[in-house]
Each structure stands twice: as structure tokens, then as C-alpha cells.
Amino acid sequence: MVNFVLVAGVWLGSWAWDEVVPELRAAGHGAHALTLSGLAERQGVPAGQQTHVRDIVEEIERLDLRDVVLVGHSYAGIPVGQAAERIGDRLAGVVFADSNVPADGESFLDGWPAGRAMVEASIAANDGFWAPRPAPDYAGQDLGAEQVARIVGRSTPHPGATLTEPAVLARPLDELPATYIKCLLDGPEPSADVAKLLTSENWRLVRIDTGHWPMFSRPRELAGILLDAAAR
């Protein structure tokens, strides 16, 4: 038995994993979906990037979880990657689900120069928050109308400071036992920083033919990949 700790990306809360958690529990594992500060039911809680790292570490310690498989989707790969090295021997592995990965001294926006101006403009126009995407932006991502409506209807503005503050790593990320899931409809190949990490013997790549939100579009298939990662 392992304990999965699942963290979704920008605008999302623990609810994003509602169709994945039962699959993991049915296989006999613990599954704990986490909402980061400032989002969903935790709106109004001030948050920077290190707040989100602490959210993850403190939840694992509060529940006294062992054999932890941390799962970070999209933006959440950045705090998850930092939390992974801070929980010591509690860690069994990390899964980065079509996610960003942390680089010491760099922020989320540093790793996404093409989108930086757009995100900064949204943060400036929305009192320090990145506003959620409208429904048309989810086209071509293997999502049905009901799934898109659910995502759009429950998304909440994302705290801007978490996107502009730098990551803090104590050791090279390629030392972590990690699986990277590449969602092919969001681009056929991993980004250059991920490709470099995948040259490590500790990292492996799994491809899934769906869009950037596999917990909605392919929850059972995603759960199967997570279970396989936990078994390694």
C-alpha cells in the first residue's frame, strides 16, 4: 500500500481528482487530494509559492503519511517537486502529470516565457490573481461539454504570487524517483527541461493520448498509470 497525495494545477482544487481517487482506493491504496491555499474552498488564504510547498509538506506530516507518491499536475509540479525533497524517507516516488517542474531560483513564469505577458496582464487586471480560462480555451483537449462546464464552473482565480516567486531546491531534481506523464494533445514532446531530466535513470516517461486535464478526460487510464508508477 502507498499513499497518493494528489495536487491539481492552476484554478483547481481537490475536487479535480474526484474520479481518480476512488480508482486508487479500490486498488487498496490511500488517496488524498489536496486543495492549495487561495483556491477552491481555501479562497481568501494568502499564498505564495512556498506557501503551496508548505501546504503539501504539512498535510503529509499532519496525516503521518508514509510511502507517499506525490502527484503534481500542471503548475502543481513546481510545489510538488520541492515538497518531494522535504519529506525525506516518507517519499516513495513522484508523478509529474503534464506538469511544470521546479528549477532552483526560477518561477513558474520564468519557465513559460511565451505566456509570461499574458499571465502578468491577467494578474494586474484581477487584483493579483490569474483569472480562470473561458470554455473555448479547452477545445481540442479531449473534453466533453459537461467536463468543460464542470471545470469552468468550479475554477477559482489563482494567486499570482505563486507564479512569480522562485522555487527553492536543495538537490538536483533528477535524483528523485519520478514518472513524467506527457499528454499528447497538449504537445507531442516534453519541454526541454523535462527532456533533460528524463535522461536520468531515476526518471521515466509515459505518454497518454489525451489533453492537459487527464483527471477529467481519462480518469481511469490516469489512475492506471499512477498505480503502475507506485508499483515500481
Protein backbone atom coordinates (compact mmCIF):
# COMPACT_ATOMS: atom_id res chain seq x y z
CA MET A 1 0.00 0.00 0.00
CA VAL A 2 1.14 3.52 -0.80
CA ASN A 3 -0.41 6.89 -0.05
CA PHE A 4 -1.07 9.03 -3.08
CA VAL A 5 -1.15 12.79 -2.45
CA LEU A 6 -2.71 14.48 -5.47
CA VAL A 7 -2.35 18.18 -6.27
CA ALA A 8 -4.03 19.80 -9.28
CA GLY A 9 -2.84 22.78 -11.27
CA VAL A 10 -3.94 26.40 -11.51
CA TRP A 11 -7.56 27.31 -10.72
CA LEU A 12 -8.39 23.83 -9.43
CA GLY A 13 -8.94 22.26 -6.01
CA SER A 14 -9.09 18.77 -4.57
CA TRP A 15 -12.38 18.26 -6.41
CA ALA A 16 -10.45 17.84 -9.66
CA TRP A 17 -9.46 14.32 -8.55
CA ASP A 18 -12.98 13.09 -7.71
CA GLU A 19 -12.94 10.44 -10.46
CA VAL A 20 -9.36 9.32 -9.81
CA VAL A 21 -9.38 8.90 -6.02
CA PRO A 22 -11.95 6.03 -6.00
CA GLU A 23 -9.88 4.08 -8.53
CA LEU A 24 -6.77 4.33 -6.35
CA ARG A 25 -8.64 3.39 -3.18
CA ALA A 26 -10.30 0.44 -4.90
CA ALA A 27 -6.80 -0.88 -5.61
CA GLY A 28 -6.06 -0.82 -1.88
CA HIS A 29 -4.10 2.39 -1.59
CA GLY A 30 -4.54 5.62 0.31
CA ALA A 31 -5.52 8.60 -1.82
CA HIS A 32 -5.51 12.15 -0.50
CA ALA A 33 -6.47 15.03 -2.81
CA LEU A 34 -5.23 18.40 -1.60
CA THR A 35 -6.50 21.93 -2.21
CA LEU A 36 -3.73 24.52 -2.14
CA SER A 37 -4.06 27.80 -0.24
CA GLY A 38 -6.02 30.51 -2.03
CA LEU A 39 -8.04 28.14 -4.22
CA ALA A 40 -11.48 26.48 -4.18
CA GLU A 41 -12.67 26.11 -0.57
CA ARG A 42 -9.45 27.81 0.60
CA GLN A 43 -10.07 31.06 -1.23
CA GLY A 44 -9.02 34.10 0.77
CA VAL A 45 -5.96 32.41 2.29
CA PRO A 46 -2.87 34.43 1.25
CA ALA A 47 -0.45 32.32 -0.76
CA GLY A 48 2.93 32.44 -2.42
CA GLN A 49 4.75 29.54 -3.97
CA GLN A 50 6.43 28.50 -0.72
CA THR A 51 3.00 28.54 0.93
CA HIS A 52 1.97 25.84 -1.51
CA VAL A 53 5.08 23.81 -0.77
CA ARG A 54 4.27 24.01 2.94
CA ASP A 55 0.64 23.06 2.28
CA ILE A 56 1.83 19.75 0.85
CA VAL A 57 4.51 19.00 3.42
CA GLU A 58 2.30 19.91 6.37
CA GLU A 59 -0.60 17.77 5.12
CA ILE A 60 1.68 14.75 4.81
CA GLU A 61 3.05 15.34 8.29
CA ARG A 62 -0.39 16.03 9.77
CA LEU A 63 -1.73 12.73 8.46
CA ASP A 64 1.58 11.00 9.26
CA LEU A 65 1.68 9.50 5.78
CA ARG A 66 4.40 7.06 4.76
CA ASP A 67 5.24 5.53 1.38
CA VAL A 68 3.98 8.70 -0.27
CA VAL A 69 3.59 9.03 -4.02
CA LEU A 70 3.26 12.73 -4.74
CA VAL A 71 1.30 13.64 -7.87
CA GLY A 72 1.53 17.13 -9.33
CA HIS A 73 -0.50 18.30 -12.32
CA SER A 74 0.43 21.33 -14.44
CA TYR A 75 1.60 24.22 -12.19
CA ALA A 76 1.46 21.94 -9.14
CA GLY A 77 4.53 20.08 -10.35
CA ILE A 78 6.54 23.05 -9.09
CA PRO A 79 5.50 22.89 -5.42
CA VAL A 80 5.25 19.08 -5.55
CA GLY A 81 8.83 18.79 -6.79
CA GLN A 82 10.04 20.95 -3.91
CA ALA A 83 7.90 19.14 -1.32
CA ALA A 84 9.24 15.79 -2.50
CA GLU A 85 12.74 16.55 -1.28
CA ARG A 86 11.46 17.96 2.02
CA ILE A 87 9.55 14.92 3.25
CA GLY A 88 12.62 12.69 3.49
CA ASP A 89 12.08 8.96 3.82
CA ARG A 90 8.30 9.38 3.66
CA LEU A 91 8.66 9.63 -0.13
CA ALA A 92 8.14 6.59 -2.37
CA GLY A 93 8.03 8.47 -5.66
CA VAL A 94 6.78 11.45 -7.65
CA VAL A 95 4.50 11.64 -10.67
CA PHE A 96 4.50 14.81 -12.74
CA ALA A 97 1.27 14.85 -14.77
CA ASP A 98 1.86 17.02 -17.85
CA SER A 99 3.36 19.46 -15.40
CA ASN A 100 5.92 22.15 -14.98
CA VAL A 101 8.95 21.14 -12.95
CA PRO A 102 10.81 23.35 -10.47
CA ALA A 103 14.22 24.86 -11.19
CA ASP A 104 16.13 26.36 -8.30
CA GLY A 105 15.78 30.16 -8.28
CA GLU A 106 13.22 30.22 -11.10
CA SER A 107 9.48 30.87 -11.02
CA PHE A 108 6.60 29.35 -12.97
CA LEU A 109 6.65 32.35 -15.30
CA ASP A 110 10.42 32.09 -15.83
CA GLY A 111 9.76 28.65 -17.29
CA TRP A 112 7.00 29.90 -19.59
CA PRO A 113 8.37 32.97 -21.38
CA ALA A 114 5.81 32.72 -24.20
CA GLY A 115 2.93 33.08 -21.75
CA ARG A 116 4.50 35.50 -19.31
CA ALA A 117 3.00 38.72 -20.68
CA MET A 118 -0.49 37.22 -20.86
CA VAL A 119 -0.37 35.91 -17.28
CA GLU A 120 1.12 39.12 -15.89
CA ALA A 121 -1.59 41.16 -17.60
CA SER A 122 -4.28 38.96 -16.07
CA ILE A 123 -2.72 39.23 -12.61
CA ALA A 124 -2.54 43.02 -12.92
CA ALA A 125 -6.16 43.24 -14.05
CA ASN A 126 -7.55 40.87 -11.42
CA ASP A 127 -6.21 42.14 -8.09
CA GLY A 128 -3.20 39.85 -8.06
CA PHE A 129 -4.86 36.70 -9.41
CA TRP A 130 -4.65 34.78 -12.69
CA ALA A 131 -8.24 34.62 -13.92
CA PRO A 132 -9.59 31.19 -14.99
CA ARG A 133 -9.88 30.30 -18.66
CA PRO A 134 -13.21 30.55 -20.52
CA ALA A 135 -14.78 27.45 -22.04
CA PRO A 136 -13.45 27.95 -25.62
CA ASP A 137 -9.88 27.62 -24.37
CA TYR A 138 -10.50 23.95 -23.54
CA ALA A 139 -11.24 22.98 -27.15
CA GLY A 140 -9.18 20.17 -28.63
CA GLN A 141 -8.27 18.71 -25.23
CA ASP A 142 -10.41 15.53 -25.29
CA LEU A 143 -13.05 17.04 -23.03
CA GLY A 144 -16.81 16.80 -23.45
CA ALA A 145 -19.18 19.73 -22.94
CA GLU A 146 -20.14 18.55 -19.44
CA GLN A 147 -16.49 18.20 -18.42
CA VAL A 148 -15.65 21.68 -19.70
CA ALA A 149 -18.67 23.14 -17.91
CA ARG A 150 -17.56 21.47 -14.69
CA ILE A 151 -14.01 22.80 -14.95
CA VAL A 152 -15.07 26.33 -15.87
CA GLY A 153 -17.87 26.41 -13.31
CA ARG A 154 -15.69 25.35 -10.38
CA SER A 155 -12.39 27.05 -11.24
CA THR A 156 -11.28 29.88 -8.97
CA PRO A 157 -8.73 32.67 -9.57
CA HIS A 158 -5.16 31.55 -8.91
CA PRO A 159 -2.91 33.56 -6.53
CA GLY A 160 -0.40 35.43 -8.69
CA ALA A 161 2.46 35.34 -6.17
CA THR A 162 2.67 31.55 -6.52
CA LEU A 163 3.54 32.06 -10.19
CA THR A 164 6.16 34.77 -9.74
CA GLU A 165 8.09 33.55 -6.68
CA PRO A 166 11.16 31.35 -7.27
CA ALA A 167 11.48 27.67 -6.45
CA VAL A 168 13.99 26.54 -3.82
CA LEU A 169 15.69 23.18 -4.34
CA ALA A 170 18.34 21.69 -2.09
CA ARG A 171 19.47 18.99 -4.52
CA PRO A 172 19.16 18.09 -8.20
CA LEU A 173 15.65 17.15 -9.25
CA ASP A 174 16.89 14.22 -11.31
CA GLU A 175 17.77 12.39 -8.08
CA LEU A 176 14.05 11.92 -7.33
CA PRO A 177 12.35 8.66 -8.35
CA ALA A 178 9.94 10.13 -10.87
CA THR A 179 7.46 9.34 -13.62
CA TYR A 180 6.57 12.06 -16.12
CA ILE A 181 3.21 11.79 -17.90
CA LYS A 182 3.10 13.57 -21.26
CA CYS A 183 -0.39 14.37 -22.52
CA LEU A 184 -0.02 14.27 -26.29
CA LEU A 185 -2.84 16.65 -27.24
CA ASP A 186 -1.02 19.36 -25.30
CA GLY A 187 2.14 18.81 -27.37
CA PRO A 188 3.89 15.70 -28.67
CA GLU A 189 7.13 16.02 -26.70
CA PRO A 190 8.17 17.07 -23.21
CA SER A 191 9.69 20.51 -22.75
CA ALA A 192 13.46 20.83 -22.91
CA ASP A 193 13.91 20.93 -19.13
CA VAL A 194 11.84 17.78 -18.69
CA ALA A 195 13.66 16.03 -21.56
CA LYS A 196 16.94 16.66 -19.77
CA LEU A 197 15.58 15.22 -16.51
CA LEU A 198 14.37 12.15 -18.40
CA THR A 199 17.97 11.25 -19.22
CA SER A 200 18.35 10.30 -15.54
CA GLU A 201 18.00 6.62 -14.67
CA ASN A 202 15.59 7.73 -11.92
CA TRP A 203 13.05 9.21 -14.35
CA ARG A 204 10.76 7.55 -16.87
CA LEU A 205 8.31 8.85 -19.45
CA VAL A 206 4.73 7.69 -20.02
CA ARG A 207 2.63 9.09 -22.86
CA ILE A 208 -1.16 9.34 -22.78
CA ASP A 209 -3.26 10.26 -25.81
CA THR A 210 -5.40 12.94 -24.23
CA GLY A 211 -5.32 16.61 -23.34
CA HIS A 212 -3.81 18.59 -20.48
CA TRP A 213 -6.54 17.66 -17.99
CA PRO A 214 -6.39 13.82 -17.86
CA MET A 215 -8.11 13.61 -14.46
CA PHE A 216 -11.26 14.75 -16.28
CA SER A 217 -10.78 13.28 -19.76
CA ARG A 218 -9.22 9.91 -18.87
CA PRO A 219 -9.50 9.36 -15.10
CA ARG A 220 -9.36 5.57 -15.20
CA GLU A 221 -6.41 5.49 -17.56
CA LEU A 222 -4.61 8.08 -15.45
CA ALA A 223 -5.27 6.06 -12.30
CA GLY A 224 -3.76 3.02 -14.00
CA ILE A 225 -0.59 4.95 -14.77
CA LEU A 226 -0.38 6.15 -11.18
CA LEU A 227 -0.82 2.60 -9.88
CA ASP A 228 1.91 1.36 -12.21
CA ALA A 229 4.24 4.13 -11.05
CA ALA A 230 3.60 3.17 -7.42
CA ALA A 231 4.46 -0.46 -8.16
CA ARG A 232 7.95 0.37 -9.46
